[in-house]
Amino acid sequence: MQPGPSERHLYNGLTRLEPTLPATAYREADAYRLDLEAIWYRSWLMICREADLVEPLAFRTFRIGSQEIVVLRDETGSLRAFHNTCRHRGAQLCQESAGRLKARLLTCPYHAWCYSLRGDLVRVPSKSLPEGFDKADYPLYRVALSVWRGFVFFNLAQDPSGEAESSFDPASGDLANWPLETLVTGHRLSKVMNWKIFWENFNECLNCPGVHKDLSRLVPINGRGLMARHDDPEWARHADNDAPEFCGGLRAGAETWSRDGHVHGPVFAGLTAAERAAGQTYATALPSMFIVGHVDYVRTVRLGPEQTELTAEWLFTPEALVQTDIDNIVAFGTQVLEEDAAICEINQKGLRSIRHEAGVLMPEEYDLRRFHEWVRERHAAFQA
């Protein structure tokens, strides 16, 4: 039977023809600069875990577009972030990507201006100072930091609104029952991928039957090219059927994302029956990251604006790393990411055609429409 009038509004799919972003948005230098200025330089971006900067004086540097930032833990244990730029003549302060400072100072390698780890200018080696010069007027350029459940975010805007938590999609899953703060990295993977094409690929499963055959077997509704029950225009025909191919979730007997679908270590104790049954809970924070909570581990994916900055991490409790068959888990997630990277590269290559001005969205690609609107709104706000 067809859905009645009162049920049609429950259908997720697009009901009219919608264009994609223009092809130039993926390939032209001007579009890249607009993305940086309107989105990446004005958003909360996940950059690392607190555990990556444990000891006082530990530091890491990060590049977003043309901007290089140093994040450090000062002598009191507080995290701080600054542009990696000396206030004298703009020299780079830290040349290494990570390490531990030799002293409680940031010293410019060019002319030896010295800054405290709070960013204050404390010493200038010049024999005399110009009239009116006050060291208090030349601190390092501070960058806003926000820590959410063990994840470190920064925002390059001079006066950013909200905190890192405000960057999460309100429709994201609730990860309150996962012990995110205490997890440690068991495996890390980096891939080459365009950030817009990645998020588009993430937001639809029309590609799943052809691109992700093993994932489609693990998550049967994906094998139908759908992400959720109401993606099907004829969902009402199966409204009372709770089989995974209609309602979502993992196949019968599967427990988590792994090669065999089974857990290979301890299960998180605080999860509800519904969270265990789902097998996967997603939380997204555009433009830079998403987290997936599984019953026995957590996956994170962090992106940057360039093509070389996708980093995936598999997080476990310290105890689980001793007991868990990580290879079985990592192999499956790696396979999915490799498949995503390969198909995204094919997409990027095809977008180079000078005849291709824009594509068209199919009904199942409603979340792509939402992502495109998110991009357009931020471009418009910047250009207003």
Foldseek 3Di string as FASTA:
>chain_A
DADDPVCQVLFQFDDDWDWFAWLCCQPPPVNLVLCCVLPVQFFWAFDFFVVQAADAQKWFWDDFPNWIKIWHQHPVRDIWMFTQFFQPPTAGQDDDGIDGDPDQWGFRPPQTQIAGPVQFGDDGPDPDDDPPDDSRVGGTHTWDWADDLRIIITHNDSDHDDGQVVLKDPPFFDPVLPNSNQWDFPDKDWAFFAQLLLVLVVQWLLCCLPLPVQVCQFQVLSVVRAAAQSNDSRSVVCVVPPARVRGIATHPPAFEQFSVRHFFFDFRPRDDPVLRRRQWGKMDGPPFKIKIDGRAWIKMWTAHNHRTGTMITIIGRPVRSVRGPVCRRVVRVVSVVVSSRVVSVVVSVVSVDPVRTIGIDGGNSSVSVVVSVVSVVSSVVVVD
